[in-house]
Amino acid sequence: MICDRVWTNARLATMAAGSGTPYGAIADGVIAARDGRIVFAGAKGDAPAFDAVETIDCGGRWITPGLIDCHTHLVYGGDRAHEFELRLEGASYEEIARAGGGILSTVRATRAASEAELFASADRRLAALIAEGVTTVEIKSGYGLETETELKQLAVARRLGRERPVGVRTTFLGAHAVPPEYKGRASDYVELVTGPMLDTVAARGLADAVDVFCEGIAFSPEETARVFAAAKAKGLSIKIHAEQLSNLGGAALAAEHGALSADHLEYLDEAGVIAMAGAGTVAVILPGAFYFLRETQKPPIALLRQHGVPIALATDANPGSSPLTSPLLVLNMACTLFRLTPEEALAGLTRNAAQALGLGREIGTLEAGKRCDLAIWEIERPAELAYRIGFNPLHARIWNGQ
C-alpha cells in the first residue's frame, strides 16, 4: 500500500462505535495515511505491506483521534474578571446580565476592538486548545449583535482556520442576547437577525451553522423558531443553547427542527431527551460553565444514556461563564461533576463532538477514509487523560496527516 506516513508500535483508542472493546482499543496498532486521510487503522497483524515516505515508531504510546472542541466563543474583546468578583460576593449570572453586564459588557468591548486585536487574542486562546490535542474547533459569533461586528467575528474565525493548523467550523450566533439599542424590542431584533444579518452572513459564506440562546434572559421559543426557519431557508445547520437556567422546551424545539445539537441542558426534562433521541440531536454538555457559575442543577446524564442520546463535551470557552481553554480539564470535570466514565468523556471530545458539528463521517474516530487527525499521548491507559489535573501528556499532534 502506497502512503505518505505510517505510525507503528502504537496502542490505538480508535473510539469507533460498536467495536466491542473499551475505547475501541487495539493493543499493537498501525495507522497509515495518504493525502491527509487514514488509509489503514488496525492491528499490526492485519496490516498490509506499506510503501511509505516516512515511518514513525510510536514507542508503545497511545493514539486517539484528535480532540474536537464543538462549542466555543473564542473571538471576543475584553474580559469579565470583575463579574467573577461580583458572583463571589453573591450576585447571580442573571442579575449581572439584567444590570447591563454579562454578554452585553463583552458586546461593548468586541464592538470597540479591531479585527487585528480580535485575531490576536483569539489566536492565543486557540493555541491553548491546540497544545492539548485539539484538531477541530467550533467558533461562534454573538458578541456583536449588529451586522458589522458579527461579520468581523466570523471573519476572524475563518482566518484562524486558514492560518493555523486546525479545522474551524463557524457558527452565527446573532441571537445571543438583545442588544441595548433594541431593549424591549426583542421581536424587532429577531427581524434584523433573520433578515439583513443572516442574508449577509450567508452571502459571504461566513457560517456553517446558526445558533440561538433560548432562555428567559435571551430569546423565547417562538423567536427561536423564527431564527431556525430563516437558517434552514439558507441551507445552514442549526444549534441551540437551551435549558441552561430554566426549561423552556428549547431542546425539543431544536430537535423538531433537526438541530445538530442542543447545548448546556441542565434543566432538560425527559420529553426533551426523547425528542432529541428521535431526531439524532447531540447533547453537548459544558461542565466548565456549570463549575464556573457554581450551578447545582446537573444535566440528566442518566436519561440521556437511557434514551441513547450521544453526549458530547466542549470547553464553552468564553469570557463570562467558562473562561476555560483546557479540553483535558473538561474530561476530568465531566467525570467528577457529572459521573461520566472516562470512556464516555473521551467519546464526548471525539466521536460525539464530531457528530455535534455534522462531521461524523469526516473526523472523530480512527477509521480508514477519515481525515488523519491524531493525538499521540505519553500515557499508560486512556483513562489517564480524564484522571490527571493540570498535566498535559500530549506527545505529538497530527492534523491532516501532518
Protein backbone atom coordinates (compact mmCIF):
# COMPACT_ATOMS: atom_id res chain seq x y z
CA MET A 1 0.00 0.00 0.00
CA ILE A 2 1.44 3.37 -1.02
CA CYS A 3 1.12 6.04 1.68
CA ASP A 4 2.76 9.18 2.99
CA ARG A 5 3.23 8.18 6.63
CA VAL A 6 2.86 5.13 8.83
CA TRP A 7 2.70 5.18 12.62
CA THR A 8 3.74 1.83 14.10
CA ASN A 9 4.24 0.30 17.55
CA ALA A 10 1.23 2.18 18.89
CA ARG A 11 -1.75 1.43 21.07
CA LEU A 12 -4.89 2.76 19.42
CA ALA A 13 -8.02 4.13 21.06
CA THR A 14 -9.99 4.19 17.82
CA MET A 15 -13.22 5.35 19.55
CA ALA A 16 -15.10 3.57 16.78
CA ALA A 17 -18.72 2.84 17.71
CA GLY A 18 -19.63 -0.80 18.21
CA SER A 19 -16.04 -2.02 18.22
CA GLY A 20 -16.70 -4.38 21.11
CA THR A 21 -13.73 -3.27 23.18
CA PRO A 22 -13.42 -0.30 25.56
CA TYR A 23 -12.26 2.78 23.67
CA GLY A 24 -12.18 0.64 20.51
CA ALA A 25 -8.70 -0.28 21.72
CA ILE A 26 -6.11 -2.10 19.61
CA ALA A 27 -3.04 -3.23 21.53
CA ASP A 28 -0.43 -3.40 18.74
CA GLY A 29 -1.74 -0.92 16.24
CA VAL A 30 -0.74 0.73 12.99
CA ILE A 31 -2.08 3.83 11.25
CA ALA A 32 -1.25 4.75 7.66
CA ALA A 33 -2.17 7.97 5.89
CA ARG A 34 -2.17 9.24 2.32
CA ASP A 35 -3.12 12.74 1.18
CA GLY A 36 -4.27 13.65 4.68
CA ARG A 37 -6.61 10.65 5.01
CA ILE A 38 -6.35 7.47 7.03
CA VAL A 39 -5.97 4.51 4.67
CA PHE A 40 -5.43 1.91 7.40
CA ALA A 41 -6.06 1.84 11.15
CA GLY A 42 -5.88 -1.52 12.80
CA ALA A 43 -3.81 -4.31 14.27
CA LYS A 44 -0.26 -4.88 13.06
CA GLY A 45 -1.18 -8.44 12.18
CA ASP A 46 -3.87 -7.24 9.78
CA ALA A 47 -1.80 -4.52 8.14
CA PRO A 48 -0.73 -4.77 4.50
CA ALA A 49 2.81 -4.07 3.36
CA PHE A 50 3.37 -0.31 3.21
CA ASP A 51 5.43 1.72 0.77
CA ALA A 52 5.72 4.85 2.91
CA VAL A 53 7.67 8.09 2.62
CA GLU A 54 8.06 8.15 6.40
CA THR A 55 7.57 5.59 9.17
CA ILE A 56 7.21 6.75 12.78
CA ASP A 57 7.82 4.36 15.69
CA CYS A 58 5.45 5.47 18.49
CA GLY A 59 7.28 3.55 21.18
CA GLY A 60 4.09 1.99 22.55
CA ARG A 61 2.35 5.33 23.06
CA TRP A 62 -1.42 5.69 22.78
CA ILE A 63 -3.01 7.33 19.75
CA THR A 64 -6.53 8.76 19.92
CA PRO A 65 -8.45 10.80 17.37
CA GLY A 66 -7.56 14.48 17.55
CA LEU A 67 -9.75 16.19 20.14
CA ILE A 68 -12.74 18.23 18.93
CA ASP A 69 -13.98 21.29 20.82
CA CYS A 70 -17.50 21.61 19.45
CA HIS A 71 -18.71 24.69 21.39
CA THR A 72 -16.56 27.79 21.89
CA HIS A 73 -16.84 31.57 21.82
CA LEU A 74 -13.13 32.18 21.18
CA VAL A 75 -13.42 35.52 19.36
CA TYR A 76 -14.26 38.40 21.70
CA GLY A 77 -12.91 41.61 23.19
CA GLY A 78 -12.05 42.36 26.80
CA ASP A 79 -12.64 40.11 29.80
CA ARG A 80 -15.12 39.84 32.68
CA ALA A 81 -12.91 39.23 35.69
CA HIS A 82 -14.82 41.90 37.61
CA GLU A 83 -18.05 39.92 37.21
CA PHE A 84 -16.26 36.92 38.65
CA GLU A 85 -15.68 39.02 41.77
CA LEU A 86 -19.34 40.09 41.84
CA ARG A 87 -20.53 36.48 41.66
CA LEU A 88 -18.25 35.58 44.55
CA GLU A 89 -19.97 38.36 46.51
CA GLY A 90 -23.36 36.79 45.81
CA ALA A 91 -24.64 38.24 42.54
CA SER A 92 -26.19 35.70 40.14
CA TYR A 93 -25.37 35.39 36.44
CA GLU A 94 -28.93 36.53 35.64
CA GLU A 95 -28.71 39.56 37.96
CA ILE A 96 -25.45 40.68 36.38
CA ALA A 97 -26.90 40.27 32.88
CA ARG A 98 -30.04 42.27 33.69
CA ALA A 99 -27.89 45.09 35.12
CA GLY A 100 -26.09 45.52 31.79
CA GLY A 101 -23.20 43.18 32.49
CA GLY A 102 -22.82 39.68 31.19
CA ILE A 103 -22.96 39.24 27.43
CA LEU A 104 -23.62 42.95 26.84
CA SER A 105 -20.37 44.01 28.52
CA THR A 106 -18.47 41.76 26.14
CA VAL A 107 -20.52 43.18 23.26
CA ARG A 108 -19.25 46.66 24.05
CA ALA A 109 -15.63 45.50 24.16
CA THR A 110 -15.97 43.44 20.98
CA ARG A 111 -17.57 46.26 19.03
CA ALA A 112 -14.68 48.53 20.07
CA ALA A 113 -11.94 46.05 19.13
CA SER A 114 -10.30 45.98 15.72
CA GLU A 115 -10.21 42.81 13.64
CA ALA A 116 -6.46 42.59 14.29
CA GLU A 117 -6.99 42.83 18.05
CA LEU A 118 -9.69 40.17 17.98
CA PHE A 119 -7.48 37.86 15.94
CA ALA A 120 -4.52 38.27 18.27
CA SER A 121 -6.48 37.49 21.44
CA ALA A 122 -8.41 34.59 19.89
CA ASP A 123 -5.17 33.17 18.48
CA ARG A 124 -3.73 32.89 21.99
CA ARG A 125 -6.80 31.03 23.23
CA LEU A 126 -6.75 28.75 20.18
CA ALA A 127 -3.08 27.96 20.81
CA ALA A 128 -4.00 26.65 24.26
CA LEU A 129 -6.54 24.27 22.73
CA ILE A 130 -4.12 23.08 20.07
CA ALA A 131 -1.47 22.44 22.74
CA GLU A 132 -3.78 19.88 24.37
CA GLY A 133 -4.53 17.93 21.21
CA VAL A 134 -7.46 19.79 19.61
CA THR A 135 -7.55 19.40 15.83
CA THR A 136 -11.04 20.81 15.16
CA VAL A 137 -12.82 23.67 16.91
CA GLU A 138 -16.18 25.37 16.51
CA ILE A 139 -16.19 29.17 16.97
CA LYS A 140 -19.37 31.19 17.47
CA SER A 141 -20.07 34.87 16.92
CA GLY A 142 -22.64 36.54 19.19
CA TYR A 143 -20.69 39.38 20.76
CA GLY A 144 -21.51 41.92 18.07
CA LEU A 145 -25.31 41.90 17.99
CA GLU A 146 -25.14 44.19 14.99
CA THR A 147 -24.19 43.28 11.46
CA GLU A 148 -20.69 44.76 11.18
CA THR A 149 -19.30 43.22 14.37
CA GLU A 150 -20.95 39.84 13.84
CA LEU A 151 -19.29 39.73 10.40
CA LYS A 152 -15.99 40.82 11.98
CA GLN A 153 -16.11 37.96 14.49
CA LEU A 154 -16.91 35.37 11.84
CA ALA A 155 -14.20 36.70 9.53
CA VAL A 156 -11.64 36.36 12.34
CA ALA A 157 -12.78 32.80 13.00
CA ARG A 158 -12.43 31.91 9.31
CA ARG A 159 -8.97 33.50 9.25
CA LEU A 160 -7.90 31.36 12.21
CA GLY A 161 -8.89 28.30 10.20
CA ARG A 162 -6.84 29.47 7.21
CA GLU A 163 -3.71 30.46 9.12
CA ARG A 164 -3.48 27.86 11.87
CA PRO A 165 -3.17 24.05 11.63
CA VAL A 166 -6.68 23.32 12.88
CA GLY A 167 -10.10 22.72 11.38
CA VAL A 168 -12.52 25.56 12.19
CA ARG A 169 -16.30 25.45 11.94
CA THR A 170 -18.07 28.78 12.36
CA THR A 171 -21.50 29.40 13.86
CA PHE A 172 -23.56 32.59 13.55
CA LEU A 173 -24.98 33.41 17.00
CA GLY A 174 -26.58 36.77 16.31
CA ALA A 175 -29.45 35.68 18.57
CA HIS A 176 -27.24 35.54 21.66
CA ALA A 177 -28.80 38.47 23.52
CA VAL A 178 -30.95 41.50 22.78
CA PRO A 179 -28.60 44.48 22.23
CA PRO A 180 -29.16 47.67 24.26
CA GLU A 181 -30.42 49.60 21.25
CA TYR A 182 -33.25 47.05 20.93
CA LYS A 183 -34.11 46.85 24.63
CA GLY A 184 -37.75 45.87 25.00
CA ARG A 185 -37.97 45.09 21.27
CA ALA A 186 -36.70 41.54 21.00
CA SER A 187 -39.04 40.74 18.12
CA ASP A 188 -37.66 43.65 16.11
CA TYR A 189 -34.12 42.47 16.75
CA VAL A 190 -35.00 38.96 15.59
CA GLU A 191 -36.24 40.60 12.38
CA LEU A 192 -32.75 42.06 11.92
CA VAL A 193 -31.06 38.74 12.70
CA THR A 194 -33.22 36.73 10.32
CA GLY A 195 -33.11 39.40 7.59
CA PRO A 196 -30.11 41.64 6.84
CA MET A 197 -27.70 39.95 9.25
CA LEU A 198 -28.30 36.41 8.09
CA ASP A 199 -28.53 37.47 4.45
CA THR A 200 -25.04 38.98 4.60
CA VAL A 201 -23.52 36.15 6.62
CA ALA A 202 -24.86 33.58 4.15
CA ALA A 203 -23.92 35.60 1.07
CA ARG A 204 -20.31 35.86 2.26
CA GLY A 205 -20.13 32.18 3.27
CA LEU A 206 -19.03 33.02 6.79
CA ALA A 207 -21.08 30.46 8.75
CA ASP A 208 -21.57 26.71 8.74
CA ALA A 209 -24.42 26.81 11.27
CA VAL A 210 -26.76 29.15 13.16
CA ASP A 211 -27.25 29.09 16.93
CA VAL A 212 -29.78 30.69 19.32
CA PHE A 213 -29.76 31.27 23.07
CA CYS A 214 -33.27 30.19 24.07
CA GLU A 215 -33.70 31.39 27.64
CA GLY A 216 -35.68 33.83 29.77
CA ILE A 217 -32.85 36.40 29.61
CA ALA A 218 -32.46 35.92 25.85
CA PHE A 219 -34.99 34.62 23.28
CA SER A 220 -38.35 32.88 23.58
CA PRO A 221 -39.16 29.58 21.86
CA GLU A 222 -41.27 31.49 19.33
CA GLU A 223 -38.40 33.85 18.49
CA THR A 224 -36.03 30.90 18.37
CA ALA A 225 -38.26 29.13 15.87
CA ARG A 226 -38.15 32.19 13.60
CA VAL A 227 -34.35 32.08 13.55
CA PHE A 228 -34.37 28.33 12.87
CA ALA A 229 -36.72 28.76 9.92
CA ALA A 230 -34.57 31.51 8.41
CA ALA A 231 -31.38 29.48 8.86
CA LYS A 232 -32.86 26.40 7.24
CA ALA A 233 -34.07 28.51 4.32
CA LYS A 234 -30.40 29.45 3.76
CA GLY A 235 -29.31 25.81 3.91
CA LEU A 236 -27.48 26.26 7.23
CA SER A 237 -27.40 23.75 10.07
CA ILE A 238 -28.91 24.77 13.41
CA LYS A 239 -27.85 24.50 17.06
CA ILE A 240 -29.23 25.82 20.32
CA HIS A 241 -28.21 26.99 23.79
CA ALA A 242 -31.08 25.51 25.79
CA GLU A 243 -32.25 24.61 29.27
CA GLN A 244 -29.23 26.21 30.96
CA LEU A 245 -31.11 28.34 33.51
CA SER A 246 -34.68 27.08 33.10
CA ASN A 247 -36.74 24.72 30.98
CA LEU A 248 -38.42 26.49 28.06
CA GLY A 249 -38.56 23.38 25.89
CA GLY A 250 -35.79 24.67 23.66
CA ALA A 251 -34.11 21.31 23.16
CA ALA A 252 -37.35 19.69 21.98
CA LEU A 253 -37.93 22.65 19.66
CA ALA A 254 -34.43 22.29 18.25
CA ALA A 255 -34.95 18.56 17.74
CA GLU A 256 -38.21 19.28 15.93
CA HIS A 257 -36.21 21.42 13.50
CA GLY A 258 -33.49 18.79 13.05
CA ALA A 259 -30.78 20.54 15.05
CA LEU A 260 -27.27 19.11 15.12
CA SER A 261 -27.02 19.71 18.86
CA ALA A 262 -28.61 21.19 21.95
CA ASP A 263 -26.08 22.57 24.42
CA HIS A 264 -25.92 23.12 28.22
CA LEU A 265 -29.15 21.22 29.14
CA GLU A 266 -29.03 21.41 32.94
CA TYR A 267 -32.84 21.75 33.11
CA LEU A 268 -33.63 19.31 30.29
CA ASP A 269 -36.60 17.01 31.02
CA GLU A 270 -37.40 13.53 29.71
CA ALA A 271 -39.70 14.85 26.99
CA GLY A 272 -36.81 16.90 25.65
CA VAL A 273 -34.46 13.91 25.85
CA ILE A 274 -36.93 11.74 23.93
CA ALA A 275 -37.31 14.41 21.25
CA MET A 276 -33.53 14.67 20.87
CA ALA A 277 -33.20 10.89 20.64
CA GLY A 278 -35.78 10.75 17.88
CA ALA A 279 -34.09 13.48 15.87
CA GLY A 280 -30.49 12.35 16.39
CA THR A 281 -29.68 15.66 18.09
CA VAL A 282 -26.48 15.50 20.13
CA ALA A 283 -26.42 16.67 23.76
CA VAL A 284 -23.41 18.96 24.29
CA ILE A 285 -22.58 19.13 27.99
CA LEU A 286 -20.49 22.07 29.19
CA PRO A 287 -19.00 21.34 32.62
CA GLY A 288 -16.86 24.48 32.59
CA ALA A 289 -19.90 26.76 32.72
CA PHE A 290 -21.56 24.56 35.34
CA TYR A 291 -18.45 24.78 37.52
CA PHE A 292 -17.68 28.46 36.97
CA LEU A 293 -21.25 29.61 37.67
CA ARG A 294 -21.46 27.27 40.69
CA GLU A 295 -24.63 25.69 39.39
CA THR A 296 -26.32 22.90 41.31
CA GLN A 297 -28.78 21.54 38.72
CA LYS A 298 -26.95 18.83 36.79
CA PRO A 299 -27.75 17.71 33.23
CA PRO A 300 -29.84 14.50 33.17
CA ILE A 301 -26.99 12.18 32.21
CA ALA A 302 -28.89 9.01 33.18
CA LEU A 303 -31.83 9.96 30.95
CA LEU A 304 -29.53 10.76 28.04
CA ARG A 305 -27.89 7.35 28.44
CA GLN A 306 -31.25 5.60 28.82
CA HIS A 307 -32.59 7.02 25.57
CA GLY A 308 -29.36 6.68 23.62
CA VAL A 309 -28.68 10.39 23.06
CA PRO A 310 -25.00 10.93 22.14
CA ILE A 311 -23.21 13.05 24.75
CA ALA A 312 -20.55 15.47 23.56
CA LEU A 313 -18.33 17.71 25.67
CA ALA A 314 -16.78 21.11 24.99
CA THR A 315 -14.94 23.90 26.77
CA ASP A 316 -17.58 26.59 26.05
CA ALA A 317 -14.55 28.92 26.12
CA ASN A 318 -16.00 32.39 26.71
CA PRO A 319 -15.23 35.41 28.90
CA GLY A 320 -18.25 35.30 31.20
CA SER A 321 -19.31 31.82 32.17
CA SER A 322 -16.47 29.49 31.12
CA PRO A 323 -13.05 31.15 30.68
CA LEU A 324 -11.67 27.67 30.04
CA THR A 325 -9.24 26.61 27.32
CA SER A 326 -8.29 23.15 28.59
CA PRO A 327 -10.11 20.23 26.96
CA LEU A 328 -8.23 17.86 29.27
CA LEU A 329 -9.75 19.59 32.29
CA VAL A 330 -13.15 19.21 30.62
CA LEU A 331 -12.61 15.44 30.60
CA ASN A 332 -11.92 15.45 34.33
CA MET A 333 -14.83 17.78 35.13
CA ALA A 334 -17.26 15.61 33.16
CA CYS A 335 -16.23 12.59 35.19
CA THR A 336 -16.05 14.22 38.61
CA LEU A 337 -19.05 16.57 38.34
CA PHE A 338 -21.42 14.51 36.17
CA ARG A 339 -20.10 10.96 36.72
CA LEU A 340 -19.39 10.19 33.08
CA THR A 341 -16.98 7.31 32.64
CA PRO A 342 -13.56 8.19 31.21
CA GLU A 343 -14.55 6.38 28.02
CA GLU A 344 -17.80 8.36 27.73
CA ALA A 345 -15.86 11.56 28.32
CA LEU A 346 -13.29 10.80 25.61
CA ALA A 347 -16.09 9.88 23.20
CA GLY A 348 -17.59 13.27 24.08
CA LEU A 349 -14.47 15.06 22.84
CA THR A 350 -14.02 12.89 19.74
CA ARG A 351 -16.76 10.81 18.11
CA ASN A 352 -19.80 12.58 19.56
CA ALA A 353 -18.28 16.04 19.21
CA ALA A 354 -17.77 15.33 15.52
CA GLN A 355 -21.45 14.41 15.22
CA ALA A 356 -22.42 17.64 17.01
CA LEU A 357 -20.72 19.54 14.18
CA GLY A 358 -22.17 17.42 11.40
CA LEU A 359 -18.71 15.96 10.74
CA GLY A 360 -19.22 12.39 11.91
CA ARG A 361 -18.18 10.97 8.54
CA GLU A 362 -15.01 13.07 8.43
CA ILE A 363 -13.40 13.02 11.87
CA GLY A 364 -13.80 11.75 15.43
CA THR A 365 -12.59 8.14 15.12
CA LEU A 366 -9.53 6.31 13.83
CA GLU A 367 -11.01 4.63 10.76
CA ALA A 368 -10.00 4.32 7.12
CA GLY A 369 -11.41 7.11 4.99
CA LYS A 370 -11.45 9.73 7.75
CA ARG A 371 -9.15 12.71 8.00
CA CYS A 372 -5.84 11.85 9.61
CA ASP A 373 -6.24 13.93 12.77
CA LEU A 374 -4.39 12.24 15.63
CA ALA A 375 -3.28 12.92 19.18
CA ILE A 376 -0.36 10.83 20.44
CA TRP A 377 -0.09 10.60 24.23
CA GLU A 378 2.52 9.64 26.85
CA ILE A 379 0.04 7.62 28.95
CA GLU A 380 -0.36 4.06 30.16
CA ARG A 381 -4.13 3.89 29.59
CA PRO A 382 -6.76 6.22 28.05
CA ALA A 383 -8.44 6.84 31.43
CA GLU A 384 -5.34 8.81 32.40
CA LEU A 385 -6.50 11.66 30.13
CA ALA A 386 -9.50 12.24 32.42
CA TYR A 387 -7.71 11.30 35.63
CA ARG A 388 -4.92 13.87 35.77
CA ILE A 389 -5.49 17.54 36.59
CA GLY A 390 -3.19 20.27 35.30
CA PHE A 391 -0.95 17.85 33.39
CA ASN A 392 -0.61 17.64 29.63
CA PRO A 393 0.72 14.27 28.36
CA LEU A 394 0.47 15.18 24.65
CA HIS A 395 3.50 13.83 22.78
CA ALA A 396 2.52 14.83 19.25
CA ARG A 397 -0.46 16.20 17.36
CA ILE A 398 -1.19 15.33 13.74
CA TRP A 399 -3.58 17.40 11.62
CA ASN A 400 -4.45 16.44 8.04
CA GLY A 401 -1.69 13.84 8.18
CA GLN A 402 0.98 16.44 9.04
